[in-house]
Amino acid sequence: MAQLDCTVNSCLYNKTMCCCKGDILVGGTHADTEEETCCESFYERRGDSYTSAIEHPSKFISIDCEAENCTYNSNYKCIADHVDICGSGANSNMETICATFEER
C-alpha cells in the first residue's frame, strides 16, 4: 500500500486529502508523461454532500495501475511508497493526474 495524497477536492471520495474509496485505479496504459495519466476512480462530488465507501478516510491505500511505462508499476500494482494524485477542481477523471508517474 502507498501513502496517498490527493488534491482532487472535487472528488466524492476525497476527504482532507485522503481517499475514502478503499482502493483506486490509475489509468494511462500508454502514458509517457504524468499528464497522460488519470485517476480512473474519480467520481465528481455534487453539492455539499459527502458520501464515503468506507467509514474513515485512509492515508494508505491500494493502487492498481494501468500505466505500463511507469517505473512504479509492477504487475498492475503501484509499488511507490508515496503517490500524489492532482487535479484540484476537476470535473472528470481526465482532469486528474498521477504526479508520481515516472517513465521507465
PDB file of N, CA and C in Angstrom:
ATOM      1  N   MET A   1       0.834  -1.188   0.000  1.00  0.00           N
ATOM      2  CA  MET A   1       0.000   0.000   0.000  1.00  0.00           C
ATOM      3  C   MET A   1       0.874   1.245   0.000  1.00  0.00           C
ATOM      4  N   ALA A   2       0.408   2.243  -0.707  1.00  0.00           N
ATOM      5  CA  ALA A   2       1.144   3.503  -0.815  1.00  0.00           C
ATOM      6  C   ALA A   2       0.484   4.573   0.055  1.00  0.00           C
ATOM      7  N   GLN A   3       1.288   5.516   0.493  1.00  0.00           N
ATOM      8  CA  GLN A   3       0.730   6.698   1.144  1.00  0.00           C
ATOM      9  C   GLN A   3       0.198   7.579   0.031  1.00  0.00           C
ATOM     10  N   LEU A   4      -1.069   7.929   0.098  1.00  0.00           N
ATOM     11  CA  LEU A   4      -1.715   8.708  -0.951  1.00  0.00           C
ATOM     12  C   LEU A   4      -2.057  10.106  -0.458  1.00  0.00           C
ATOM     13  N   ASP A   5      -1.623  11.106  -1.224  1.00  0.00           N
ATOM     14  CA  ASP A   5      -2.062  12.479  -1.014  1.00  0.00           C
ATOM     15  C   ASP A   5      -2.842  12.871  -2.256  1.00  0.00           C
ATOM     16  N   CYS A   6      -4.088  13.248  -2.074  1.00  0.00           N
ATOM     17  CA  CYS A   6      -4.963  13.572  -3.193  1.00  0.00           C
ATOM     18  C   CYS A   6      -5.475  15.002  -3.045  1.00  0.00           C
ATOM     19  N   THR A   7      -5.179  15.819  -4.057  1.00  0.00           N
ATOM     20  CA  THR A   7      -5.647  17.210  -4.023  1.00  0.00           C
ATOM     21  C   THR A   7      -6.873  17.423  -4.904  1.00  0.00           C
ATOM     22  N   VAL A   8      -7.492  16.331  -5.327  1.00  0.00           N
ATOM     23  CA  VAL A   8      -8.684  16.423  -6.174  1.00  0.00           C
ATOM     24  C   VAL A   8      -9.896  16.635  -5.262  1.00  0.00           C
ATOM     25  N   ASN A   9     -10.045  17.885  -4.812  1.00  0.00           N
ATOM     26  CA  ASN A   9     -11.091  18.211  -3.838  1.00  0.00           C
ATOM     27  C   ASN A   9     -12.504  18.106  -4.393  1.00  0.00           C
ATOM     28  N   SER A  10     -12.635  17.975  -5.693  1.00  0.00           N
ATOM     29  CA  SER A  10     -13.959  17.837  -6.293  1.00  0.00           C
ATOM     30  C   SER A  10     -14.387  16.374  -6.416  1.00  0.00           C
ATOM     31  N   CYS A  11     -13.553  15.457  -5.917  1.00  0.00           N
ATOM     32  CA  CYS A  11     -13.885  14.026  -5.969  1.00  0.00           C
ATOM     33  C   CYS A  11     -14.717  13.637  -4.752  1.00  0.00           C
ATOM     34  N   LEU A  12     -15.724  12.843  -4.983  1.00  0.00           N
ATOM     35  CA  LEU A  12     -16.610  12.375  -3.922  1.00  0.00           C
ATOM     36  C   LEU A  12     -15.856  11.634  -2.829  1.00  0.00           C
ATOM     37  N   TYR A  13     -14.780  10.945  -3.193  1.00  0.00           N
ATOM     38  CA  TYR A  13     -14.045  10.120  -2.235  1.00  0.00           C
ATOM     39  C   TYR A  13     -12.971  10.877  -1.465  1.00  0.00           C
ATOM     40  N   ASN A  14     -12.727  12.156  -1.800  1.00  0.00           N
ATOM     41  CA  ASN A  14     -11.671  12.917  -1.154  1.00  0.00           C
ATOM     42  C   ASN A  14     -12.186  13.561   0.127  1.00  0.00           C
ATOM     43  N   LYS A  15     -11.454  13.309   1.198  1.00  0.00           N
ATOM     44  CA  LYS A  15     -11.756  13.983   2.460  1.00  0.00           C
ATOM     45  C   LYS A  15     -10.427  14.314   3.116  1.00  0.00           C
ATOM     46  N   THR A  16     -10.139  15.583   3.254  1.00  0.00           N
ATOM     47  CA  THR A  16      -8.889  16.091   3.827  1.00  0.00           C
ATOM     48  C   THR A  16      -7.655  15.454   3.185  1.00  0.00           C
ATOM     49  N   MET A  17      -7.622  15.419   1.866  1.00  0.00           N
ATOM     50  CA  MET A  17      -6.527  14.896   1.052  1.00  0.00           C
ATOM     51  C   MET A  17      -6.313  13.385   1.213  1.00  0.00           C
ATOM     52  N   CYS A  18      -7.256  12.709   1.807  1.00  0.00           N
ATOM     53  CA  CYS A  18      -7.219  11.252   1.932  1.00  0.00           C
ATOM     54  C   CYS A  18      -8.356  10.668   1.099  1.00  0.00           C
ATOM     55  N   CYS A  19      -8.230   9.397   0.761  1.00  0.00           N
ATOM     56  CA  CYS A  19      -9.241   8.749  -0.058  1.00  0.00           C
ATOM     57  C   CYS A  19     -10.121   7.845   0.799  1.00  0.00           C
ATOM     58  N   CYS A  20     -11.412   7.903   0.546  1.00  0.00           N
ATOM     59  CA  CYS A  20     -12.364   7.085   1.276  1.00  0.00           C
ATOM     60  C   CYS A  20     -12.905   5.936   0.428  1.00  0.00           C
ATOM     61  N   LYS A  21     -12.297   5.706  -0.729  1.00  0.00           N
ATOM     62  CA  LYS A  21     -12.799   4.651  -1.610  1.00  0.00           C
ATOM     63  C   LYS A  21     -12.307   3.263  -1.197  1.00  0.00           C
ATOM     64  N   GLY A  22     -11.122   3.191  -0.661  1.00  0.00           N
ATOM     65  CA  GLY A  22     -10.562   1.897  -0.269  1.00  0.00           C
ATOM     66  C   GLY A  22      -9.446   1.456  -1.187  1.00  0.00           C
ATOM     67  N   ASP A  23      -9.602   1.700  -2.494  1.00  0.00           N
ATOM     68  CA  ASP A  23      -8.561   1.434  -3.483  1.00  0.00           C
ATOM     69  C   ASP A  23      -8.860   2.293  -4.707  1.00  0.00           C
ATOM     70  N   ILE A  24      -7.834   2.557  -5.505  1.00  0.00           N
ATOM     71  CA  ILE A  24      -8.050   3.354  -6.711  1.00  0.00           C
ATOM     72  C   ILE A  24      -7.352   2.704  -7.893  1.00  0.00           C
ATOM     73  N   LEU A  25      -7.720   3.173  -9.080  1.00  0.00           N
ATOM     74  CA  LEU A  25      -7.097   2.734 -10.323  1.00  0.00           C
ATOM     75  C   LEU A  25      -6.532   3.948 -11.041  1.00  0.00           C
ATOM     76  N   VAL A  26      -5.229   3.896 -11.337  1.00  0.00           N
ATOM     77  CA  VAL A  26      -4.591   4.936 -12.133  1.00  0.00           C
ATOM     78  C   VAL A  26      -4.597   4.472 -13.581  1.00  0.00           C
ATOM     79  N   GLY A  27      -5.144   5.294 -14.459  1.00  0.00           N
ATOM     80  CA  GLY A  27      -5.213   4.980 -15.880  1.00  0.00           C
ATOM     81  C   GLY A  27      -4.095   5.645 -16.657  1.00  0.00           C
ATOM     82  N   GLY A  28      -3.939   5.207 -17.891  1.00  0.00           N
ATOM     83  CA  GLY A  28      -2.916   5.766 -18.764  1.00  0.00           C
ATOM     84  C   GLY A  28      -2.041   4.667 -19.330  1.00  0.00           C
ATOM     85  N   THR A  29      -2.657   3.671 -19.917  1.00  0.00           N
ATOM     86  CA  THR A  29      -1.957   2.482 -20.396  1.00  0.00           C
ATOM     87  C   THR A  29      -0.693   2.799 -21.176  1.00  0.00           C
ATOM     88  N   HIS A  30      -0.755   3.760 -22.083  1.00  0.00           N
ATOM     89  CA  HIS A  30       0.397   4.095 -22.923  1.00  0.00           C
ATOM     90  C   HIS A  30       1.023   5.434 -22.549  1.00  0.00           C
ATOM     91  N   ALA A  31       0.818   5.880 -21.320  1.00  0.00           N
ATOM     92  CA  ALA A  31       1.322   7.186 -20.878  1.00  0.00           C
ATOM     93  C   ALA A  31       2.844   7.241 -20.915  1.00  0.00           C
ATOM     94  N   ASP A  32       3.353   8.377 -21.389  1.00  0.00           N
ATOM     95  CA  ASP A  32       4.784   8.658 -21.363  1.00  0.00           C
ATOM     96  C   ASP A  32       5.096   9.809 -20.415  1.00  0.00           C
ATOM     97  N   THR A  33       4.045  10.515 -19.983  1.00  0.00           N
ATOM     98  CA  THR A  33       4.190  11.630 -19.051  1.00  0.00           C
ATOM     99  C   THR A  33       3.061  11.559 -18.030  1.00  0.00           C
ATOM    100  N   GLU A  34       3.216  12.266 -16.928  1.00  0.00           N
ATOM    101  CA  GLU A  34       2.170  12.270 -15.907  1.00  0.00           C
ATOM    102  C   GLU A  34       0.872  12.876 -16.423  1.00  0.00           C
ATOM    103  N   GLU A  35       0.962  13.790 -17.388  1.00  0.00           N
ATOM    104  CA  GLU A  35      -0.234  14.422 -17.949  1.00  0.00           C
ATOM    105  C   GLU A  35      -1.092  13.421 -18.726  1.00  0.00           C
ATOM    106  N   GLU A  36      -0.533  12.292 -19.078  1.00  0.00           N
ATOM    107  CA  GLU A  36      -1.278  11.259 -19.816  1.00  0.00           C
ATOM    108  C   GLU A  36      -1.858  10.199 -18.884  1.00  0.00           C
ATOM    109  N   THR A  37      -1.754  10.428 -17.578  1.00  0.00           N
ATOM    110  CA  THR A  37      -2.344   9.525 -16.596  1.00  0.00           C
ATOM    111  C   THR A  37      -3.598  10.165 -16.019  1.00  0.00           C
ATOM    112  N   CYS A  38      -4.380   9.393 -15.293  1.00  0.00           N
ATOM    113  CA  CYS A  38      -5.553   9.934 -14.606  1.00  0.00           C
ATOM    114  C   CYS A  38      -5.971   8.979 -13.500  1.00  0.00           C
ATOM    115  N   CYS A  39      -6.790   9.476 -12.609  1.00  0.00           N
ATOM    116  CA  CYS A  39      -7.390   8.624 -11.583  1.00  0.00           C
ATOM    117  C   CYS A  39      -8.731   8.140 -12.138  1.00  0.00           C
ATOM    118  N   GLU A  40      -8.745   6.885 -12.559  1.00  0.00           N
ATOM    119  CA  GLU A  40      -9.969   6.296 -13.123  1.00  0.00           C
ATOM    120  C   GLU A  40     -11.072   6.168 -12.070  1.00  0.00           C
ATOM    121  N   SER A  41     -10.712   6.232 -10.799  1.00  0.00           N
ATOM    122  CA  SER A  41     -11.688   6.086  -9.718  1.00  0.00           C
ATOM    123  C   SER A  41     -12.380   7.397  -9.358  1.00  0.00           C
ATOM    124  N   PHE A  42     -11.965   8.498  -9.982  1.00  0.00           N
ATOM    125  CA  PHE A  42     -12.574   9.799  -9.718  1.00  0.00           C
ATOM    126  C   PHE A  42     -14.082   9.741  -9.943  1.00  0.00           C
ATOM    127  N   TYR A  43     -14.818  10.323  -9.013  1.00  0.00           N
ATOM    128  CA  TYR A  43     -16.263  10.458  -9.139  1.00  0.00           C
ATOM    129  C   TYR A  43     -16.607  11.855  -8.640  1.00  0.00           C
ATOM    130  N   GLU A  44     -17.157  12.675  -9.517  1.00  0.00           N
ATOM    131  CA  GLU A  44     -17.398  14.080  -9.178  1.00  0.00           C
ATOM    132  C   GLU A  44     -18.386  14.243  -8.037  1.00  0.00           C
ATOM    133  N   ARG A  45     -17.984  15.050  -7.077  1.00  0.00           N
ATOM    134  CA  ARG A  45     -18.839  15.396  -5.940  1.00  0.00           C
ATOM    135  C   ARG A  45     -19.895  16.384  -6.427  1.00  0.00           C
ATOM    136  N   ARG A  46     -21.122  16.162  -6.099  1.00  0.00           N
ATOM    137  CA  ARG A  46     -22.217  17.058  -6.491  1.00  0.00           C
ATOM    138  C   ARG A  46     -22.796  17.685  -5.230  1.00  0.00           C
ATOM    139  N   GLY A  47     -22.780  18.999  -5.168  1.00  0.00           N
ATOM    140  CA  GLY A  47     -23.288  19.692  -3.991  1.00  0.00           C
ATOM    141  C   GLY A  47     -22.338  19.580  -2.817  1.00  0.00           C
ATOM    142  N   ASP A  48     -22.858  19.809  -1.627  1.00  0.00           N
ATOM    143  CA  ASP A  48     -22.027  19.795  -0.425  1.00  0.00           C
ATOM    144  C   ASP A  48     -22.025  18.451   0.280  1.00  0.00           C
ATOM    145  N   SER A  49     -22.764  17.495  -0.240  1.00  0.00           N
ATOM    146  CA  SER A  49     -22.859  16.212   0.453  1.00  0.00           C
ATOM    147  C   SER A  49     -21.554  15.429   0.343  1.00  0.00           C
ATOM    148  N   TYR A  50     -21.283  14.636   1.347  1.00  0.00           N
ATOM    149  CA  TYR A  50     -20.098  13.788   1.366  1.00  0.00           C
ATOM    150  C   TYR A  50     -20.562  12.357   1.596  1.00  0.00           C
ATOM    151  N   THR A  51     -20.162  11.461   0.725  1.00  0.00           N
ATOM    152  CA  THR A  51     -20.506  10.056   0.868  1.00  0.00           C
ATOM    153  C   THR A  51     -19.223   9.248   0.792  1.00  0.00           C
ATOM    154  N   SER A  52     -19.062   8.340   1.710  1.00  0.00           N
ATOM    155  CA  SER A  52     -17.846   7.544   1.769  1.00  0.00           C
ATOM    156  C   SER A  52     -18.154   6.072   1.527  1.00  0.00           C
ATOM    157  N   ALA A  53     -17.265   5.418   0.772  1.00  0.00           N
ATOM    158  CA  ALA A  53     -17.403   3.984   0.546  1.00  0.00           C
ATOM    159  C   ALA A  53     -16.942   3.208   1.773  1.00  0.00           C
ATOM    160  N   ILE A  54     -16.098   3.819   2.573  1.00  0.00           N
ATOM    161  CA  ILE A  54     -15.679   3.219   3.835  1.00  0.00           C
ATOM    162  C   ILE A  54     -15.913   4.231   4.941  1.00  0.00           C
ATOM    163  N   GLU A  55     -15.857   3.767   6.156  1.00  0.00           N
ATOM    164  CA  GLU A  55     -16.201   4.616   7.294  1.00  0.00           C
ATOM    165  C   GLU A  55     -15.263   5.815   7.461  1.00  0.00           C
ATOM    166  N   HIS A  56     -13.954   5.607   7.289  1.00  0.00           N
ATOM    167  CA  HIS A  56     -12.993   6.669   7.547  1.00  0.00           C
ATOM    168  C   HIS A  56     -12.029   6.826   6.376  1.00  0.00           C
ATOM    169  N   PRO A  57     -11.591   8.041   6.115  1.00  0.00           N
ATOM    170  CA  PRO A  57     -10.587   8.244   5.062  1.00  0.00           C
ATOM    171  C   PRO A  57      -9.273   7.585   5.464  1.00  0.00           C
ATOM    172  N   SER A  58      -8.539   7.109   4.468  1.00  0.00           N
ATOM    173  CA  SER A  58      -7.287   6.419   4.737  1.00  0.00           C
ATOM    174  C   SER A  58      -6.126   7.119   4.049  1.00  0.00           C
ATOM    175  N   LYS A  59      -5.017   7.243   4.745  1.00  0.00           N
ATOM    176  CA  LYS A  59      -3.805   7.836   4.190  1.00  0.00           C
ATOM    177  C   LYS A  59      -3.037   6.799   3.365  1.00  0.00           C
ATOM    178  N   PHE A  60      -3.258   5.513   3.639  1.00  0.00           N
ATOM    179  CA  PHE A  60      -2.597   4.435   2.907  1.00  0.00           C
ATOM    180  C   PHE A  60      -3.653   3.647   2.151  1.00  0.00           C
ATOM    181  N   ILE A  61      -3.360   3.353   0.882  1.00  0.00           N
ATOM    182  CA  ILE A  61      -4.379   2.792   0.012  1.00  0.00           C
ATOM    183  C   ILE A  61      -3.743   1.870  -1.021  1.00  0.00           C
ATOM    184  N   SER A  62      -4.496   0.893  -1.463  1.00  0.00           N
ATOM    185  CA  SER A  62      -4.058   0.005  -2.537  1.00  0.00           C
ATOM    186  C   SER A  62      -4.316   0.702  -3.871  1.00  0.00           C
ATOM    187  N   ILE A  63      -3.302   0.690  -4.748  1.00  0.00           N
ATOM    188  CA  ILE A  63      -3.421   1.388  -6.027  1.00  0.00           C
ATOM    189  C   ILE A  63      -3.117   0.432  -7.169  1.00  0.00           C
ATOM    190  N   ASP A  64      -4.123   0.174  -7.999  1.00  0.00           N
ATOM    191  CA  ASP A  64      -3.911  -0.561  -9.241  1.00  0.00           C
ATOM    192  C   ASP A  64      -3.469   0.453 -10.279  1.00  0.00           C
ATOM    193  N   CYS A  65      -2.606   0.014 -11.213  1.00  0.00           N
ATOM    194  CA  CYS A  65      -2.046   0.966 -12.169  1.00  0.00           C
ATOM    195  C   CYS A  65      -1.982   0.367 -13.569  1.00  0.00           C
ATOM    196  N   GLU A  66      -2.565   1.086 -14.529  1.00  0.00           N
ATOM    197  CA  GLU A  66      -2.531   0.676 -15.933  1.00  0.00           C
ATOM    198  C   GLU A  66      -1.366   1.304 -16.697  1.00  0.00           C
ATOM    199  N   ALA A  67      -0.626   2.220 -16.078  1.00  0.00           N
ATOM    200  CA  ALA A  67       0.455   2.942 -16.761  1.00  0.00           C
ATOM    201  C   ALA A  67       1.665   2.017 -16.936  1.00  0.00           C
ATOM    202  N   GLU A  68       1.683   1.302 -18.048  1.00  0.00           N
ATOM    203  CA  GLU A  68       2.709   0.295 -18.310  1.00  0.00           C
ATOM    204  C   GLU A  68       4.117   0.871 -18.336  1.00  0.00           C
ATOM    205  N   ASN A  69       4.262   2.146 -18.688  1.00  0.00           N
ATOM    206  CA  ASN A  69       5.582   2.765 -18.806  1.00  0.00           C
ATOM    207  C   ASN A  69       6.058   3.419 -17.518  1.00  0.00           C
ATOM    208  N   CYS A  70       5.353   3.225 -16.418  1.00  0.00           N
ATOM    209  CA  CYS A  70       5.738   3.848 -15.155  1.00  0.00           C
ATOM    210  C   CYS A  70       6.694   2.938 -14.377  1.00  0.00           C
ATOM    211  N   THR A  71       7.725   3.544 -13.853  1.00  0.00           N
ATOM    212  CA  THR A  71       8.718   2.846 -13.038  1.00  0.00           C
ATOM    213  C   THR A  71       8.077   2.113 -11.869  1.00  0.00           C
ATOM    214  N   TYR A  72       7.004   2.663 -11.325  1.00  0.00           N
ATOM    215  CA  TYR A  72       6.386   2.114 -10.122  1.00  0.00           C
ATOM    216  C   TYR A  72       5.312   1.058 -10.398  1.00  0.00           C
ATOM    217  N   ASN A  73       5.071   0.742 -11.650  1.00  0.00           N
ATOM    218  CA  ASN A  73       4.073  -0.263 -11.999  1.00  0.00           C
ATOM    219  C   ASN A  73       4.735  -1.641 -11.992  1.00  0.00           C
ATOM    220  N   SER A  74       4.246  -2.506 -11.142  1.00  0.00           N
ATOM    221  CA  SER A  74       4.738  -3.875 -11.079  1.00  0.00           C
ATOM    222  C   SER A  74       3.542  -4.814 -11.140  1.00  0.00           C
ATOM    223  N   ASN A  75       3.350  -5.421 -12.304  1.00  0.00           N
ATOM    224  CA  ASN A  75       2.222  -6.348 -12.488  1.00  0.00           C
ATOM    225  C   ASN A  75       0.890  -5.716 -12.127  1.00  0.00           C
ATOM    226  N   TYR A  76       0.650  -4.494 -12.649  1.00  0.00           N
ATOM    227  CA  TYR A  76      -0.624  -3.792 -12.491  1.00  0.00           C
ATOM    228  C   TYR A  76      -0.821  -3.180 -11.096  1.00  0.00           C
ATOM    229  N   LYS A  77       0.191  -3.228 -10.243  1.00  0.00           N
ATOM    230  CA  LYS A  77       0.122  -2.639  -8.902  1.00  0.00           C
ATOM    231  C   LYS A  77       1.150  -1.528  -8.776  1.00  0.00           C
ATOM    232  N   CYS A  78       0.793  -0.457  -8.091  1.00  0.00           N
ATOM    233  CA  CYS A  78       1.729   0.625  -7.827  1.00  0.00           C
ATOM    234  C   CYS A  78       2.581   0.235  -6.619  1.00  0.00           C
ATOM    235  N   ILE A  79       3.902   0.314  -6.793  1.00  0.00           N
ATOM    236  CA  ILE A  79       4.804  -0.043  -5.698  1.00  0.00           C
ATOM    237  C   ILE A  79       5.527   1.182  -5.126  1.00  0.00           C
ATOM    238  N   ALA A  80       5.103   2.381  -5.496  1.00  0.00           N
ATOM    239  CA  ALA A  80       5.687   3.597  -4.926  1.00  0.00           C
ATOM    240  C   ALA A  80       5.318   3.681  -3.448  1.00  0.00           C
ATOM    241  N   ASP A  81       6.201   4.262  -2.655  1.00  0.00           N
ATOM    242  CA  ASP A  81       5.914   4.456  -1.230  1.00  0.00           C
ATOM    243  C   ASP A  81       4.911   5.584  -1.015  1.00  0.00           C
ATOM    244  N   HIS A  82       4.959   6.581  -1.909  1.00  0.00           N
ATOM    245  CA  HIS A  82       4.117   7.763  -1.786  1.00  0.00           C
ATOM    246  C   HIS A  82       3.583   8.148  -3.160  1.00  0.00           C
ATOM    247  N   VAL A  83       2.294   8.427  -3.253  1.00  0.00           N
ATOM    248  CA  VAL A  83       1.663   8.782  -4.519  1.00  0.00           C
ATOM    249  C   VAL A  83       0.877  10.082  -4.350  1.00  0.00           C
ATOM    250  N   ASP A  84       1.044  10.980  -5.332  1.00  0.00           N
ATOM    251  CA  ASP A  84       0.281  12.231  -5.364  1.00  0.00           C
ATOM    252  C   ASP A  84      -0.676  12.193  -6.547  1.00  0.00           C
ATOM    253  N   ILE A  85      -1.960  12.335  -6.268  1.00  0.00           N
ATOM    254  CA  ILE A  85      -2.968  12.481  -7.310  1.00  0.00           C
ATOM    255  C   ILE A  85      -3.401  13.945  -7.280  1.00  0.00           C
ATOM    256  N   CYS A  86      -3.320  14.596  -8.438  1.00  0.00           N
ATOM    257  CA  CYS A  86      -3.602  16.034  -8.515  1.00  0.00           C
ATOM    258  C   CYS A  86      -4.735  16.309  -9.500  1.00  0.00           C
ATOM    259  N   GLY A  87      -5.362  17.463  -9.311  1.00  0.00           N
ATOM    260  CA  GLY A  87      -6.432  17.886 -10.206  1.00  0.00           C
ATOM    261  C   GLY A  87      -7.493  18.676  -9.481  1.00  0.00           C
ATOM    262  N   SER A  88      -7.065  19.623  -8.692  1.00  0.00           N
ATOM    263  CA  SER A  88      -7.999  20.447  -7.931  1.00  0.00           C
ATOM    264  C   SER A  88      -9.050  21.062  -8.854  1.00  0.00           C
ATOM    265  N   GLY A  89     -10.300  20.885  -8.509  1.00  0.00           N
ATOM    266  CA  GLY A  89     -11.397  21.432  -9.301  1.00  0.00           C
ATOM    267  C   GLY A  89     -11.775  20.586 -10.511  1.00  0.00           C
ATOM    268  N   ALA A  90     -11.253  19.380 -10.609  1.00  0.00           N
ATOM    269  CA  ALA A  90     -11.543  18.517 -11.759  1.00  0.00           C
ATOM    270  C   ALA A  90     -13.039  18.231 -11.877  1.00  0.00           C
ATOM    271  N   ASN A  91     -13.508  18.151 -13.129  1.00  0.00           N
ATOM    272  CA  ASN A  91     -14.898  17.787 -13.404  1.00  0.00           C
ATOM    273  C   ASN A  91     -15.011  16.388 -13.986  1.00  0.00           C
ATOM    274  N   SER A  92     -13.869  15.811 -14.367  1.00  0.00           N
ATOM    275  CA  SER A  92     -13.852  14.451 -14.904  1.00  0.00           C
ATOM    276  C   SER A  92     -12.517  13.812 -14.570  1.00  0.00           C
ATOM    277  N   ASN A  93     -12.426  12.506 -14.716  1.00  0.00           N
ATOM    278  CA  ASN A  93     -11.176  11.814 -14.417  1.00  0.00           C
ATOM    279  C   ASN A  93     -10.040  12.272 -15.329  1.00  0.00           C
ATOM    280  N   MET A  94     -10.363  12.744 -16.524  1.00  0.00           N
ATOM    281  CA  MET A  94      -9.342  13.198 -17.467  1.00  0.00           C
ATOM    282  C   MET A  94      -8.679  14.514 -17.024  1.00  0.00           C
ATOM    283  N   GLU A  95      -9.222  15.141 -16.002  1.00  0.00           N
ATOM    284  CA  GLU A  95      -8.635  16.361 -15.459  1.00  0.00           C
ATOM    285  C   GLU A  95      -7.819  16.082 -14.205  1.00  0.00           C
ATOM    286  N   THR A  96      -7.554  14.805 -13.938  1.00  0.00           N
ATOM    287  CA  THR A  96      -6.713  14.396 -12.822  1.00  0.00           C
ATOM    288  C   THR A  96      -5.428  13.796 -13.371  1.00  0.00           C
ATOM    289  N   ILE A  97      -4.380  13.776 -12.563  1.00  0.00           N
ATOM    290  CA  ILE A  97      -3.127  13.136 -12.977  1.00  0.00           C
ATOM    291  C   ILE A  97      -2.480  12.426 -11.788  1.00  0.00           C
ATOM    292  N   CYS A  98      -1.666  11.452 -12.100  1.00  0.00           N
ATOM    293  CA  CYS A  98      -0.804  10.847 -11.094  1.00  0.00           C
ATOM    294  C   CYS A  98       0.538  11.556 -11.196  1.00  0.00           C
ATOM    295  N   ALA A  99       0.789  12.468 -10.282  1.00  0.00           N
ATOM    296  CA  ALA A  99       2.006  13.275 -10.308  1.00  0.00           C
ATOM    297  C   ALA A  99       3.240  12.467  -9.912  1.00  0.00           C
ATOM    298  N   THR A 100       3.048  11.250  -9.476  1.00  0.00           N
ATOM    299  CA  THR A 100       4.158  10.373  -9.094  1.00  0.00           C
ATOM    300  C   THR A 100       4.691   9.606 -10.292  1.00  0.00           C
ATOM    301  N   PHE A 101       3.950   9.594 -11.400  1.00  0.00           N
ATOM    302  CA  PHE A 101       4.366   8.874 -12.595  1.00  0.00           C
ATOM    303  C   PHE A 101       5.812   9.209 -12.947  1.00  0.00           C
ATOM    304  N   GLU A 102       6.585   8.173 -13.221  1.00  0.00           N
ATOM    305  CA  GLU A 102       7.961   8.342 -13.663  1.00  0.00           C
ATOM    306  C   GLU A 102       8.220   7.338 -14.789  1.00  0.00           C
ATOM    307  N   GLU A 103       8.547   7.853 -15.954  1.00  0.00           N
ATOM    308  CA  GLU A 103       8.746   6.976 -17.121  1.00  0.00           C
ATOM    309  C   GLU A 103       9.937   6.051 -16.912  1.00  0.00           C
ATOM    310  N   ARG A 104       9.762   4.800 -17.309  1.00  0.00           N
ATOM    311  CA  ARG A 104      10.859   3.810 -17.229  1.00  0.00           C
ATOM    312  C   ARG A 104      11.977   4.199 -18.140  1.00  0.00           C
TER     313      ARG A 104
END
